[in-house]
């Protein structure tokens, strides 16, 4: 299921950031013949201070994901991912 969620993550995020966490909320099952839609959008929730240091929103990102049936838009999975800028990124 997580691979379907990841299909709609922007390529530059996959290249420049490392996923730190993923939370999945399963809502319904699907069958092998179902056609799914995978959608991703940036979360409006900012990540706050960590260890009393201000965390840049450019180095820490959150995304909200949705998997749903294409035919009737029934939600199958909601997910949230947190991303950190890769250390070797300039």
N, C-alpha and C. Protein backbone atom coordinates (compact mmCIF):
# COMPACT_ATOMS: atom_id res chain seq x y z
N UNK A 1 0.82 -1.19 0.00
CA UNK A 1 0.00 0.00 0.00
C UNK A 1 0.87 1.26 0.00
N UNK A 2 1.97 1.25 0.74
CA UNK A 2 2.80 2.46 0.82
C UNK A 2 3.39 2.83 -0.53
N UNK A 3 3.62 1.88 -1.40
CA UNK A 3 4.17 2.19 -2.73
C UNK A 3 3.14 3.00 -3.53
N UNK A 4 1.87 2.68 -3.42
CA UNK A 4 0.83 3.45 -4.10
C UNK A 4 0.78 4.88 -3.56
N UNK A 5 0.93 5.02 -2.26
CA UNK A 5 0.94 6.35 -1.65
C UNK A 5 2.12 7.17 -2.20
N UNK A 6 3.27 6.56 -2.32
CA UNK A 6 4.49 7.25 -2.73
C UNK A 6 4.48 7.66 -4.21
N UNK A 7 3.62 7.08 -5.02
CA UNK A 7 3.62 7.38 -6.45
C UNK A 7 3.28 8.82 -6.77
N UNK A 8 2.58 9.51 -5.88
CA UNK A 8 2.20 10.89 -6.18
C UNK A 8 3.08 11.93 -5.47
N UNK A 9 4.13 11.47 -4.79
CA UNK A 9 5.07 12.40 -4.16
C UNK A 9 5.92 13.04 -5.26
N UNK A 10 6.08 14.37 -5.22
CA UNK A 10 6.89 15.03 -6.26
C UNK A 10 8.31 14.46 -6.33
N UNK A 11 8.80 14.31 -7.54
CA UNK A 11 10.11 13.70 -7.77
C UNK A 11 11.23 14.41 -7.01
N UNK A 12 11.19 15.75 -6.97
CA UNK A 12 12.25 16.50 -6.28
C UNK A 12 12.26 16.21 -4.78
N UNK A 13 11.12 15.89 -4.21
CA UNK A 13 11.08 15.51 -2.80
C UNK A 13 11.77 14.16 -2.62
N UNK A 14 11.47 13.21 -3.49
CA UNK A 14 12.09 11.89 -3.41
C UNK A 14 13.61 11.97 -3.60
N UNK A 15 14.07 12.90 -4.42
CA UNK A 15 15.51 13.03 -4.69
C UNK A 15 16.25 13.78 -3.59
N UNK A 16 15.63 14.83 -3.04
CA UNK A 16 16.33 15.72 -2.11
C UNK A 16 16.04 15.46 -0.64
N UNK A 17 15.00 14.69 -0.34
CA UNK A 17 14.59 14.47 1.04
C UNK A 17 14.54 12.99 1.38
N UNK A 18 14.66 12.71 2.66
CA UNK A 18 14.58 11.35 3.17
C UNK A 18 13.32 11.26 4.04
N UNK A 19 12.51 10.24 3.80
CA UNK A 19 11.30 10.09 4.60
C UNK A 19 11.67 9.67 6.02
N UNK A 20 11.16 10.42 6.98
CA UNK A 20 11.46 10.13 8.38
C UNK A 20 10.37 9.27 9.01
N UNK A 21 9.12 9.52 8.61
CA UNK A 21 8.02 8.73 9.18
C UNK A 21 6.83 8.71 8.22
N UNK A 22 6.01 7.67 8.40
CA UNK A 22 4.77 7.54 7.64
C UNK A 22 3.71 6.98 8.57
N UNK A 23 2.56 7.63 8.58
CA UNK A 23 1.42 7.16 9.35
C UNK A 23 0.32 6.82 8.37
N UNK A 24 -0.18 5.59 8.45
CA UNK A 24 -1.24 5.13 7.54
C UNK A 24 -2.53 4.93 8.32
N UNK A 25 -3.63 5.34 7.71
CA UNK A 25 -4.96 5.12 8.27
C UNK A 25 -5.78 4.39 7.22
N UNK A 26 -5.99 3.10 7.45
CA UNK A 26 -6.74 2.28 6.49
C UNK A 26 -8.23 2.48 6.72
N UNK A 27 -8.98 2.73 5.63
CA UNK A 27 -10.41 2.99 5.74
C UNK A 27 -11.27 1.91 5.09
N UNK A 28 -10.81 1.38 3.96
CA UNK A 28 -11.57 0.36 3.23
C UNK A 28 -10.59 -0.56 2.50
N UNK A 29 -11.10 -1.71 2.08
CA UNK A 29 -10.31 -2.63 1.28
C UNK A 29 -10.60 -2.38 -0.19
N UNK A 30 -9.70 -2.88 -1.02
CA UNK A 30 -9.92 -2.83 -2.47
C UNK A 30 -9.63 -4.21 -3.04
N UNK A 31 -10.00 -4.39 -4.31
CA UNK A 31 -9.75 -5.66 -4.97
C UNK A 31 -8.68 -5.47 -6.05
N UNK A 32 -8.19 -6.55 -6.55
CA UNK A 32 -7.13 -6.52 -7.55
C UNK A 32 -7.55 -5.78 -8.82
N UNK A 33 -8.81 -5.80 -9.15
CA UNK A 33 -9.29 -5.16 -10.39
C UNK A 33 -9.61 -3.67 -10.22
N UNK A 34 -9.59 -3.15 -8.99
CA UNK A 34 -9.90 -1.74 -8.76
C UNK A 34 -8.80 -0.84 -9.32
N UNK A 35 -9.22 0.30 -9.84
CA UNK A 35 -8.28 1.33 -10.30
C UNK A 35 -8.26 2.42 -9.23
N UNK A 36 -7.03 2.74 -8.77
CA UNK A 36 -6.88 3.68 -7.67
C UNK A 36 -6.32 5.01 -8.14
N UNK A 37 -6.63 6.05 -7.39
CA UNK A 37 -6.03 7.36 -7.57
C UNK A 37 -5.15 7.62 -6.35
N UNK A 38 -3.95 8.13 -6.59
CA UNK A 38 -3.04 8.48 -5.52
C UNK A 38 -2.80 9.98 -5.58
N UNK A 39 -3.06 10.67 -4.46
CA UNK A 39 -2.91 12.13 -4.43
C UNK A 39 -2.06 12.53 -3.23
N UNK A 40 -1.27 13.57 -3.42
CA UNK A 40 -0.39 14.09 -2.38
C UNK A 40 -0.47 15.60 -2.36
N UNK A 41 -0.50 16.17 -1.16
CA UNK A 41 -0.45 17.62 -1.03
C UNK A 41 0.36 17.99 0.21
N UNK A 42 1.03 19.15 0.17
CA UNK A 42 1.79 19.58 1.35
C UNK A 42 0.84 19.80 2.52
N UNK A 43 1.30 19.47 3.70
CA UNK A 43 0.50 19.69 4.89
C UNK A 43 0.63 21.15 5.31
N UNK A 44 -0.44 21.73 5.78
CA UNK A 44 -0.38 23.11 6.25
C UNK A 44 0.18 23.19 7.67
N UNK A 45 0.32 22.04 8.33
CA UNK A 45 0.85 22.00 9.69
C UNK A 45 2.36 22.19 9.66
N UNK A 46 2.84 23.18 10.39
CA UNK A 46 4.29 23.40 10.46
C UNK A 46 4.88 22.50 11.53
N UNK A 47 6.10 22.09 11.31
CA UNK A 47 6.82 21.33 12.32
C UNK A 47 7.50 22.34 13.22
N UNK A 48 7.27 22.26 14.50
CA UNK A 48 7.75 23.27 15.44
C UNK A 48 9.19 23.07 15.85
N UNK A 49 9.53 23.67 16.96
CA UNK A 49 10.90 23.62 17.46
C UNK A 49 11.25 22.21 17.92
N UNK A 50 12.48 21.85 17.74
CA UNK A 50 12.97 20.54 18.15
C UNK A 50 14.23 20.75 18.98
N UNK A 51 14.26 20.23 20.20
CA UNK A 51 15.40 20.42 21.11
C UNK A 51 15.74 21.89 21.28
N UNK A 52 14.72 22.73 21.38
CA UNK A 52 14.87 24.17 21.59
C UNK A 52 15.56 24.87 20.43
N UNK A 53 15.61 24.26 19.28
CA UNK A 53 16.17 24.89 18.09
C UNK A 53 15.04 25.10 17.10
N UNK A 54 15.07 26.19 16.40
CA UNK A 54 14.05 26.45 15.39
C UNK A 54 14.30 25.55 14.19
N UNK A 55 13.27 24.86 13.71
CA UNK A 55 13.40 23.95 12.58
C UNK A 55 12.90 24.65 11.33
N UNK A 56 13.73 24.73 10.32
CA UNK A 56 13.34 25.36 9.06
C UNK A 56 12.31 24.49 8.36
N UNK A 57 11.25 25.10 7.85
CA UNK A 57 10.26 24.33 7.11
C UNK A 57 10.81 23.87 5.77
N UNK A 58 11.93 24.45 5.31
CA UNK A 58 12.54 23.99 4.07
C UNK A 58 13.31 22.69 4.27
N UNK A 59 13.78 22.43 5.47
CA UNK A 59 14.54 21.21 5.71
C UNK A 59 13.66 20.09 6.28
N UNK A 60 12.46 20.43 6.76
CA UNK A 60 11.51 19.46 7.28
C UNK A 60 10.16 19.71 6.63
N UNK A 61 9.63 18.71 5.97
CA UNK A 61 8.36 18.85 5.26
C UNK A 61 7.39 17.78 5.71
N UNK A 62 6.10 18.08 5.61
CA UNK A 62 5.06 17.08 5.84
C UNK A 62 4.11 17.08 4.65
N UNK A 63 3.66 15.88 4.29
CA UNK A 63 2.69 15.73 3.20
C UNK A 63 1.52 14.88 3.68
N UNK A 64 0.37 15.18 3.11
CA UNK A 64 -0.85 14.39 3.34
C UNK A 64 -1.13 13.63 2.05
N UNK A 65 -1.50 12.36 2.18
CA UNK A 65 -1.71 11.48 1.02
C UNK A 65 -3.10 10.85 1.10
N UNK A 66 -3.65 10.58 -0.06
CA UNK A 66 -4.96 9.94 -0.14
C UNK A 66 -4.95 8.93 -1.28
N UNK A 67 -5.39 7.72 -0.97
CA UNK A 67 -5.65 6.70 -1.99
C UNK A 67 -7.16 6.50 -2.02
N UNK A 68 -7.73 6.56 -3.22
CA UNK A 68 -9.17 6.36 -3.35
C UNK A 68 -9.47 5.61 -4.63
N UNK A 69 -10.67 5.04 -4.67
CA UNK A 69 -11.12 4.35 -5.87
C UNK A 69 -11.42 5.38 -6.94
N UNK A 70 -10.97 5.12 -8.15
CA UNK A 70 -11.20 6.06 -9.25
C UNK A 70 -12.69 6.14 -9.59
N UNK A 71 -13.35 5.02 -9.57
CA UNK A 71 -14.75 4.95 -10.03
C UNK A 71 -15.71 5.80 -9.18
N UNK A 72 -15.66 5.65 -7.86
CA UNK A 72 -16.65 6.35 -7.01
C UNK A 72 -16.01 7.24 -5.93
N UNK A 73 -14.70 7.41 -5.98
CA UNK A 73 -13.95 8.30 -5.07
C UNK A 73 -13.98 7.86 -3.61
N UNK A 74 -14.28 6.59 -3.36
CA UNK A 74 -14.27 6.06 -2.00
C UNK A 74 -12.84 6.05 -1.47
N UNK A 75 -12.66 6.60 -0.27
CA UNK A 75 -11.32 6.64 0.34
C UNK A 75 -10.92 5.26 0.82
N UNK A 76 -9.68 4.88 0.49
CA UNK A 76 -9.13 3.61 0.96
C UNK A 76 -8.11 3.83 2.05
N UNK A 77 -7.21 4.79 1.85
CA UNK A 77 -6.13 5.05 2.80
C UNK A 77 -5.86 6.54 2.86
N UNK A 78 -5.66 7.04 4.06
CA UNK A 78 -5.11 8.38 4.28
C UNK A 78 -3.76 8.17 4.93
N UNK A 79 -2.81 9.02 4.58
CA UNK A 79 -1.47 8.88 5.14
C UNK A 79 -0.86 10.25 5.38
N UNK A 80 0.13 10.28 6.27
CA UNK A 80 0.91 11.49 6.51
C UNK A 80 2.37 11.08 6.52
N UNK A 81 3.20 11.83 5.79
CA UNK A 81 4.63 11.56 5.78
C UNK A 81 5.39 12.79 6.25
N UNK A 82 6.53 12.55 6.87
CA UNK A 82 7.43 13.62 7.30
C UNK A 82 8.77 13.38 6.62
N UNK A 83 9.33 14.45 6.07
CA UNK A 83 10.55 14.38 5.27
C UNK A 83 11.61 15.33 5.82
N UNK A 84 12.86 14.88 5.80
CA UNK A 84 13.99 15.73 6.21
C UNK A 84 14.96 15.83 5.03
N UNK A 85 15.52 17.01 4.87
CA UNK A 85 16.49 17.24 3.81
C UNK A 85 17.68 16.30 4.00
N UNK A 86 18.13 15.66 2.92
CA UNK A 86 19.27 14.75 3.01
C UNK A 86 20.51 15.54 3.41
N UNK A 87 21.34 14.94 4.24
CA UNK A 87 22.54 15.61 4.76
C UNK A 87 23.52 16.01 3.67
N UNK A 88 23.64 15.21 2.64
CA UNK A 88 24.61 15.50 1.58
C UNK A 88 24.08 16.48 0.54
N UNK A 89 22.86 17.02 0.79
CA UNK A 89 22.25 17.96 -0.14
C UNK A 89 22.85 19.35 0.05
N UNK A 90 23.22 20.03 -1.04
CA UNK A 90 23.80 21.36 -0.94
C UNK A 90 22.77 22.41 -1.20
